[in-house]
Amino acid sequence: QGHQAAACRAALQMQASLMRLNEHWSLEELPEVRFRAGIHTARVLVGNYGCDYRINYTALGDGVNLASRLEASNKVFGTVVMVSESTADIAAMEFQFRKLGRIL
């Protein structure tokens, strides 16, 4: 329990940390690094997949695909963190959310 709010907190903390790093890096004339997150709540398969000579740690499932679409949609909406309705419903006690649209 509380994983949804923890994911939202982590995304916001990552964004805040990246802003501080970018300020520091700009003094060294390094390029800006950007970050976007898509957060969705679902059951997925996570683990090592493959064969004896090639193994990959990955996540599989519709929930992973939706989180990926949410992350990519940040670019369209000009946002950096996008959360699905199922996650927002559960994390609403700790965060305020606004509807942006429907991701198909």
C-alpha atoms as a PDB file:
ATOM      1  CA  GLN A   1       0.000   0.000   0.000  1.00  0.00           C
ATOM      2  CA  GLY A   2       1.094   3.543  -0.664  1.00  0.00           C
ATOM      3  CA  HIS A   3       3.130   2.596  -3.725  1.00  0.00           C
ATOM      4  CA  GLN A   4       1.182   5.006  -5.905  1.00  0.00           C
ATOM      5  CA  ALA A   5       1.930   8.025  -3.701  1.00  0.00           C
ATOM      6  CA  ALA A   6       5.546   6.883  -3.318  1.00  0.00           C
ATOM      7  CA  ALA A   7       5.924   6.765  -7.111  1.00  0.00           C
ATOM      8  CA  CYS A   8       4.491  10.281  -7.405  1.00  0.00           C
ATOM      9  CA  ARG A   9       6.799  11.553  -4.656  1.00  0.00           C
ATOM     10  CA  ALA A  10       9.801   9.914  -6.321  1.00  0.00           C
ATOM     11  CA  ALA A  11       9.009  11.495  -9.697  1.00  0.00           C
ATOM     12  CA  LEU A  12       8.688  14.957  -8.144  1.00  0.00           C
ATOM     13  CA  GLN A  13      11.903  14.508  -6.139  1.00  0.00           C
ATOM     14  CA  MET A  14      13.736  13.361  -9.264  1.00  0.00           C
ATOM     15  CA  GLN A  15      12.508  16.444 -11.119  1.00  0.00           C
ATOM     16  CA  ALA A  16      13.615  18.757  -8.294  1.00  0.00           C
ATOM     17  CA  SER A  17      17.039  17.084  -8.122  1.00  0.00           C
ATOM     18  CA  LEU A  18      17.464  17.342 -11.869  1.00  0.00           C
ATOM     19  CA  MET A  19      16.653  21.063 -11.786  1.00  0.00           C
ATOM     20  CA  ARG A  20      19.424  21.595  -9.214  1.00  0.00           C
ATOM     21  CA  LEU A  21      21.859  19.497 -11.245  1.00  0.00           C
ATOM     22  CA  ASN A  22      21.019  21.423 -14.420  1.00  0.00           C
ATOM     23  CA  GLU A  23      21.742  24.714 -12.624  1.00  0.00           C
ATOM     24  CA  HIS A  24      25.129  23.371 -11.557  1.00  0.00           C
ATOM     25  CA  TRP A  25      25.886  21.910 -14.983  1.00  0.00           C
ATOM     26  CA  SER A  26      24.929  25.146 -16.762  1.00  0.00           C
ATOM     27  CA  LEU A  27      27.772  26.886 -14.895  1.00  0.00           C
ATOM     28  CA  GLU A  28      30.081  24.335 -16.486  1.00  0.00           C
ATOM     29  CA  GLU A  29      28.422  24.965 -19.885  1.00  0.00           C
ATOM     30  CA  LEU A  30      27.075  21.419 -20.028  1.00  0.00           C
ATOM     31  CA  PRO A  31      23.814  20.690 -21.859  1.00  0.00           C
ATOM     32  CA  GLU A  32      20.510  20.564 -20.010  1.00  0.00           C
ATOM     33  CA  VAL A  33      19.131  17.114 -19.169  1.00  0.00           C
ATOM     34  CA  ARG A  34      15.363  16.608 -19.270  1.00  0.00           C
ATOM     35  CA  PHE A  35      13.204  14.061 -17.505  1.00  0.00           C
ATOM     36  CA  ARG A  36       9.631  12.864 -18.061  1.00  0.00           C
ATOM     37  CA  ALA A  37       7.693  10.202 -16.153  1.00  0.00           C
ATOM     38  CA  GLY A  38       4.543   8.207 -16.785  1.00  0.00           C
ATOM     39  CA  ILE A  39       3.043   6.525 -13.725  1.00  0.00           C
ATOM     40  CA  HIS A  40       0.348   3.844 -13.893  1.00  0.00           C
ATOM     41  CA  THR A  41      -0.887   1.257 -11.399  1.00  0.00           C
ATOM     42  CA  ALA A  42      -1.266  -2.288 -12.721  1.00  0.00           C
ATOM     43  CA  ARG A  43      -0.061  -5.852 -12.296  1.00  0.00           C
ATOM     44  CA  VAL A  44       2.873  -6.572 -14.590  1.00  0.00           C
ATOM     45  CA  LEU A  45       5.540  -9.229 -15.020  1.00  0.00           C
ATOM     46  CA  VAL A  46       9.018  -8.123 -13.985  1.00  0.00           C
ATOM     47  CA  GLY A  47      12.209 -10.150 -14.010  1.00  0.00           C
ATOM     48  CA  ASN A  48      14.980 -11.741 -15.994  1.00  0.00           C
ATOM     49  CA  TYR A  49      13.807 -13.029 -19.362  1.00  0.00           C
ATOM     50  CA  GLY A  50      15.795 -14.803 -22.021  1.00  0.00           C
ATOM     51  CA  CYS A  51      17.931 -17.887 -22.444  1.00  0.00           C
ATOM     52  CA  ASP A  52      21.241 -19.212 -21.147  1.00  0.00           C
ATOM     53  CA  TYR A  53      23.392 -16.930 -23.267  1.00  0.00           C
ATOM     54  CA  ARG A  54      21.269 -13.773 -23.284  1.00  0.00           C
ATOM     55  CA  ILE A  55      19.222 -12.545 -20.324  1.00  0.00           C
ATOM     56  CA  ASN A  56      17.428  -9.224 -20.030  1.00  0.00           C
ATOM     57  CA  TYR A  57      15.788  -7.701 -16.943  1.00  0.00           C
ATOM     58  CA  THR A  58      12.515  -6.219 -18.156  1.00  0.00           C
ATOM     59  CA  ALA A  59       8.888  -5.454 -17.360  1.00  0.00           C
ATOM     60  CA  LEU A  60       6.042  -6.817 -19.478  1.00  0.00           C
ATOM     61  CA  GLY A  61       2.321  -6.112 -19.648  1.00  0.00           C
ATOM     62  CA  ASP A  62      -0.368  -3.666 -20.657  1.00  0.00           C
ATOM     63  CA  GLY A  63       0.385  -1.520 -17.593  1.00  0.00           C
ATOM     64  CA  VAL A  64       3.969  -1.019 -18.761  1.00  0.00           C
ATOM     65  CA  ASN A  65       2.730   0.029 -22.190  1.00  0.00           C
ATOM     66  CA  LEU A  66       0.291   2.550 -20.700  1.00  0.00           C
ATOM     67  CA  ALA A  67       2.994   4.055 -18.461  1.00  0.00           C
ATOM     68  CA  SER A  68       5.180   4.413 -21.543  1.00  0.00           C
ATOM     69  CA  ARG A  69       2.383   6.182 -23.456  1.00  0.00           C
ATOM     70  CA  LEU A  70       1.828   8.505 -20.492  1.00  0.00           C
ATOM     71  CA  GLU A  71       5.528   9.353 -20.386  1.00  0.00           C
ATOM     72  CA  ALA A  72       5.569  10.130 -24.115  1.00  0.00           C
ATOM     73  CA  SER A  73       2.369  12.207 -23.837  1.00  0.00           C
ATOM     74  CA  ASN A  74       4.120  14.626 -21.481  1.00  0.00           C
ATOM     75  CA  LYS A  75       5.786  16.083 -24.555  1.00  0.00           C
ATOM     76  CA  VAL A  76       2.410  16.833 -26.161  1.00  0.00           C
ATOM     77  CA  PHE A  77       0.922  18.388 -23.006  1.00  0.00           C
ATOM     78  CA  GLY A  78       4.078  20.257 -21.949  1.00  0.00           C
ATOM     79  CA  THR A  79       4.249  18.392 -18.637  1.00  0.00           C
ATOM     80  CA  VAL A  80       6.981  16.345 -16.975  1.00  0.00           C
ATOM     81  CA  VAL A  81       4.977  13.866 -14.865  1.00  0.00           C
ATOM     82  CA  MET A  82       1.759  12.253 -16.063  1.00  0.00           C
ATOM     83  CA  VAL A  83      -0.262   9.883 -13.886  1.00  0.00           C
ATOM     84  CA  SER A  84      -3.060   7.533 -14.949  1.00  0.00           C
ATOM     85  CA  GLU A  85      -6.538   7.862 -13.489  1.00  0.00           C
ATOM     86  CA  SER A  86      -6.193   4.611 -11.541  1.00  0.00           C
ATOM     87  CA  THR A  87      -3.038   5.902  -9.846  1.00  0.00           C
ATOM     88  CA  ALA A  88      -4.477   9.384  -9.267  1.00  0.00           C
ATOM     89  CA  ASP A  89      -7.583   7.918  -7.624  1.00  0.00           C
ATOM     90  CA  ILE A  90      -5.429   6.135  -5.050  1.00  0.00           C
ATOM     91  CA  ALA A  91      -2.851   8.900  -4.498  1.00  0.00           C
ATOM     92  CA  ALA A  92      -5.459  11.712  -4.330  1.00  0.00           C
ATOM     93  CA  MET A  93      -5.244  11.850  -0.528  1.00  0.00           C
ATOM     94  CA  GLU A  94      -1.667  13.152  -0.803  1.00  0.00           C
ATOM     95  CA  PHE A  95      -1.579  14.948  -4.168  1.00  0.00           C
ATOM     96  CA  GLN A  96      -3.747  17.191  -6.299  1.00  0.00           C
ATOM     97  CA  PHE A  97      -4.230  16.142  -9.911  1.00  0.00           C
ATOM     98  CA  ARG A  98      -5.821  17.742 -12.945  1.00  0.00           C
ATOM     99  CA  LYS A  99      -7.279  16.003 -15.959  1.00  0.00           C
ATOM    100  CA  LEU A 100      -5.419  16.640 -19.171  1.00  0.00           C
ATOM    101  CA  GLY A 101      -7.255  14.433 -21.615  1.00  0.00           C
ATOM    102  CA  ARG A 102      -7.656  10.857 -22.667  1.00  0.00           C
ATOM    103  CA  ILE A 103      -4.709   8.720 -23.787  1.00  0.00           C
ATOM    104  CA  LEU A 104      -5.726   6.035 -26.245  1.00  0.00           C
END
